[in-house]
Protein backbone atom coordinates (compact mmCIF):
# COMPACT_ATOMS: atom_id res chain seq x y z
CA UNK A 1 92.57 39.10 115.19
CA UNK A 2 93.85 40.48 111.91
CA UNK A 3 92.03 43.77 111.97
CA UNK A 4 93.75 45.34 114.95
CA UNK A 5 93.66 48.81 113.40
CA UNK A 6 90.68 49.44 115.66
CA UNK A 7 93.07 51.23 118.01
CA UNK A 8 92.49 54.23 115.72
CA UNK A 9 88.85 54.35 116.78
CA UNK A 10 88.18 56.89 119.45
CA UNK A 11 91.64 58.44 119.09
CA UNK A 12 91.99 62.16 118.44
CA UNK A 13 91.86 62.62 114.70
CA UNK A 14 92.95 66.07 113.60
CA UNK A 15 95.20 67.95 111.24
CA UNK A 16 96.60 71.24 112.59
CA UNK A 17 97.41 74.12 110.28
CA UNK A 18 97.22 77.42 112.12
CA UNK A 19 97.37 80.37 109.78
CA UNK A 20 97.08 83.78 111.41
CA UNK A 21 94.79 86.17 109.58
CA UNK A 22 95.07 89.93 110.07
CA UNK A 23 92.15 91.29 112.07
CA UNK A 24 91.36 94.23 114.31
CA UNK A 25 88.48 95.27 116.54
CA UNK A 26 86.76 98.60 116.79
CA UNK A 27 87.75 100.89 119.65
CA UNK A 28 85.43 100.49 122.62
CA UNK A 29 84.19 103.21 124.91
CA UNK A 30 84.56 102.46 128.61
CA UNK A 31 84.17 105.10 131.31
CA UNK A 32 84.52 107.85 128.70
CA UNK A 33 87.94 106.55 127.57
CA UNK A 34 88.79 104.91 124.26
CA UNK A 35 90.76 101.66 124.39
CA UNK A 36 93.40 100.90 121.82
CA UNK A 37 92.28 98.45 119.14
CA UNK A 38 92.86 94.82 120.13
CA UNK A 39 93.65 92.17 117.52
CA UNK A 40 91.22 89.29 117.22
CA UNK A 41 92.53 85.80 117.97
CA UNK A 42 94.12 84.24 114.88
CA UNK A 43 91.82 82.01 112.90
CA UNK A 44 92.77 78.46 112.01
CA UNK A 45 92.57 76.96 108.57
CA UNK A 46 92.80 73.34 107.53
CA UNK A 47 95.16 72.41 104.70
CA UNK A 48 93.47 71.84 101.32
CA UNK A 49 91.37 68.67 101.22
CA UNK A 50 93.42 65.82 99.84
CA UNK A 51 96.73 67.22 101.06
CA UNK A 52 98.82 64.78 103.08
CA UNK A 53 98.36 65.39 106.76
CA UNK A 54 100.96 67.54 108.48
CA UNK A 55 100.17 65.73 111.72
CA UNK A 56 98.84 62.18 111.81
CA UNK A 57 96.36 60.83 114.37
CA UNK A 58 97.81 59.63 117.65
CA UNK A 59 98.19 55.85 117.55
CA UNK A 60 97.68 54.01 120.82
CA UNK A 61 99.05 57.03 122.68
CA UNK A 62 102.15 57.21 120.43
CA UNK A 63 102.71 60.20 118.17
CA UNK A 64 103.60 59.00 114.65
CA UNK A 65 106.77 60.15 112.90
CA UNK A 66 106.46 61.46 109.36
CA UNK A 67 108.67 59.47 106.98
CA UNK A 68 107.86 61.55 103.94
CA UNK A 69 105.15 63.32 101.95
CA UNK A 70 104.35 62.06 98.47
CA UNK A 71 101.74 63.92 96.44
CA UNK A 72 98.51 63.74 98.46
CA UNK A 73 99.77 61.02 100.81
CA UNK A 74 101.97 60.90 103.87
CA UNK A 75 104.01 57.91 105.09
CA UNK A 76 104.33 57.45 108.87
CA UNK A 77 105.67 55.12 111.52
CA UNK A 78 104.80 54.70 115.19
CA UNK A 79 105.45 52.19 117.97
CA UNK A 80 102.40 51.92 120.28
CA UNK A 81 103.19 49.61 123.19
CA UNK A 82 106.57 48.94 121.62
CA UNK A 83 105.09 47.34 118.48
CA UNK A 84 106.21 49.09 115.30
CA UNK A 85 103.63 49.95 112.67
CA UNK A 86 103.87 51.93 109.44
CA UNK A 87 101.07 53.45 107.41
CA UNK A 88 100.19 55.65 104.46
CA UNK A 89 97.53 58.26 105.17
CA UNK A 90 95.39 60.68 103.15
CA UNK A 91 92.39 62.95 103.59
CA UNK A 92 89.53 63.17 101.08
CA UNK A 93 89.93 65.47 98.09
CA UNK A 94 86.12 65.78 97.92
CA UNK A 95 83.40 65.03 100.48
CA UNK A 96 79.68 64.81 99.64
CA UNK A 97 76.64 64.05 101.80
CA UNK A 98 72.95 63.38 101.11
CA UNK A 99 71.21 65.45 102.47
CA UNK A 100 73.91 68.00 101.59
CA UNK A 101 76.27 69.81 103.96
CA UNK A 102 75.82 67.46 106.92
CA UNK A 103 78.59 68.11 109.48
CA UNK A 104 80.97 65.36 110.59
CA UNK A 105 84.46 64.84 111.94
CA UNK A 106 87.61 64.44 109.85
CA UNK A 107 87.82 61.44 107.51
CA UNK A 108 90.98 59.48 106.69
CA UNK A 109 92.06 56.57 104.51
CA UNK A 110 94.82 54.37 105.98
CA UNK A 111 96.94 51.63 104.46
CA UNK A 112 98.95 50.04 107.26
CA UNK A 113 101.57 47.36 107.86
CA UNK A 114 102.31 45.69 111.22
CA UNK A 115 105.34 43.38 110.99
CA UNK A 116 104.83 41.77 114.42
CA UNK A 117 101.37 40.60 113.28
CA UNK A 118 102.50 39.74 109.74
CA UNK A 119 100.00 42.25 108.35
CA UNK A 120 100.89 44.15 105.17
CA UNK A 121 98.90 46.81 103.28
CA UNK A 122 95.69 46.64 105.33
CA UNK A 123 93.12 49.13 104.03
CA UNK A 124 90.89 50.94 106.52
CA UNK A 125 88.81 54.09 106.75
CA UNK A 126 87.86 56.51 109.48
CA UNK A 127 84.65 58.08 108.16
CA UNK A 128 84.03 60.90 110.66
CA UNK A 129 80.70 59.61 112.04
CA UNK A 130 79.20 56.43 113.46
CA UNK A 131 78.15 54.05 110.69
CA UNK A 132 74.60 52.73 110.54
CA UNK A 133 74.48 49.55 112.64
CA UNK A 134 75.16 46.36 110.67
CA UNK A 135 75.69 48.32 107.45
CA UNK A 136 78.44 47.83 104.88
CA UNK A 137 80.53 50.55 103.30
CA UNK A 138 82.14 50.33 99.87
CA UNK A 139 85.42 51.39 98.32
CA UNK A 140 85.56 51.83 94.54
CA UNK A 141 88.50 52.24 92.17
CA UNK A 142 89.34 51.25 88.61
CA UNK A 143 85.74 50.21 87.95
CA UNK A 144 85.79 47.63 90.77
CA UNK A 145 83.78 47.80 93.99
CA UNK A 146 84.90 46.24 97.29
CA UNK A 147 82.67 45.71 100.33
CA UNK A 148 83.83 46.94 103.75
CA UNK A 149 82.47 45.88 107.11
CA UNK A 150 81.91 48.68 109.61
CA UNK A 151 82.27 49.24 113.32
CA UNK A 152 81.65 52.58 115.03
CA UNK A 153 83.37 55.09 112.70
CA UNK A 154 85.78 52.62 111.06
CA UNK A 155 85.58 50.31 108.04
CA UNK A 156 87.75 47.44 106.76
CA UNK A 157 87.74 45.20 103.67
CA UNK A 158 85.31 42.30 104.25
CA UNK A 159 87.15 39.81 102.06
CA UNK A 160 90.84 39.95 103.02
CA UNK A 161 91.70 37.91 99.92
CA UNK A 162 90.67 40.92 97.78
CA UNK A 163 92.96 43.36 99.55
CA UNK A 164 96.05 42.77 97.41
CA UNK A 165 93.96 43.25 94.26
CA UNK A 166 92.59 46.53 95.66
CA UNK A 167 96.07 47.77 96.57
CA UNK A 168 97.35 46.98 93.07
CA UNK A 169 94.44 48.89 91.52
CA UNK A 170 95.01 51.85 93.86
CA UNK A 171 98.72 51.99 92.97
CA UNK A 172 97.76 52.35 89.30
CA UNK A 173 94.62 54.47 89.69
CA UNK A 174 93.79 58.17 89.88
CA UNK A 175 91.28 58.17 92.72
CA UNK A 176 89.22 55.99 95.03
CA UNK A 177 85.70 56.59 96.35
CA UNK A 178 84.48 55.49 99.79
CA UNK A 179 80.72 55.37 100.40
CA UNK A 180 78.76 54.73 103.58
CA UNK A 181 75.66 55.57 105.58
CA UNK A 182 75.64 57.14 109.03
CA UNK A 183 73.57 56.05 112.02
CA UNK A 184 71.26 59.00 111.22
CA UNK A 185 70.79 57.93 107.63
CA UNK A 186 73.16 60.40 105.97
CA UNK A 187 74.75 58.95 102.83
CA UNK A 188 78.36 59.99 102.22
CA UNK A 189 80.74 59.76 99.30
CA UNK A 190 84.41 60.65 99.85
CA UNK A 191 86.84 60.86 96.94
CA UNK A 192 90.54 60.38 97.68
CA UNK A 193 93.30 61.30 95.25
CA UNK A 194 95.79 58.48 94.66
CA UNK A 195 98.57 60.82 93.60
CA UNK A 196 101.73 59.77 95.45
CA UNK A 197 100.21 56.63 96.98
CA UNK A 198 102.62 54.22 95.26
CA UNK A 199 105.62 56.14 96.57
CA UNK A 200 104.13 56.37 100.07
CA UNK A 201 103.51 52.61 100.12
CA UNK A 202 107.05 51.93 98.93
CA UNK A 203 108.32 54.00 101.86
CA UNK A 204 106.04 52.14 104.29
CA UNK A 205 107.32 48.81 102.96
CA UNK A 206 110.93 49.95 103.28
CA UNK A 207 110.38 51.04 106.90
CA UNK A 208 108.26 48.05 108.00
CA UNK A 209 109.70 45.02 106.21
C-alpha cells in the first residue's frame, strides 16, 4: 500500500529543547534549623513554533539523522527495518482551535520519500489528536484546497494524482494551512511556514534518489 507512513502513528512525537531557568526556593524551617536554599528543577521550553525540529520523531524504532536545517524545515533520513527513507519536517507556526485553547499533542507536517517503495514527496500530517471518525482534513496553499483522508491522528492526500501539484505550490508558496476536526468536535487550523521547504526537499531528493 502506498501510504506506509502510518508507522509514524503511535510513535513518540516530541521536540526536546531544555533551557535551564534560574530559580531558588525559600529557606525552610525544620527542627529549628534553616536549610540552605535549594534550586528548583530546570524548566523546559519548546523551540519557537515553526522552527525546524532539533530532534525528529522516532521512525519504526530508528532515530532519524538530521541532514540539514533550512529556514523552518529540517531534512532527515532514517532506515527502519533496513529500508531507507528521507523526509522534510516542520512544526506549525500558528495553531488555532475552536473552542479556543484546547490542549493536544505536538503537530507535524511531513513530506517523505521511500526509494524501495518508489514513493517520492508524499505529504502527510500528524495532527496531535484523534480525528473525527470518517472525517476528511484539508490542506490549503496558493488559493487551492486539497482533501486529506484521516486515520487516528494522521492524514494523507486523498487524490495521489494531486500530490505533485501540491508540492509545486508549496515550493513556491509562503505558508500552508491544515484544518481538521477532532473526535471530540474541536476544529483546528494549523499554519505552517514554507520558508526553507524547497531547500529541504532538494536535500531529501539528493539523499533518497
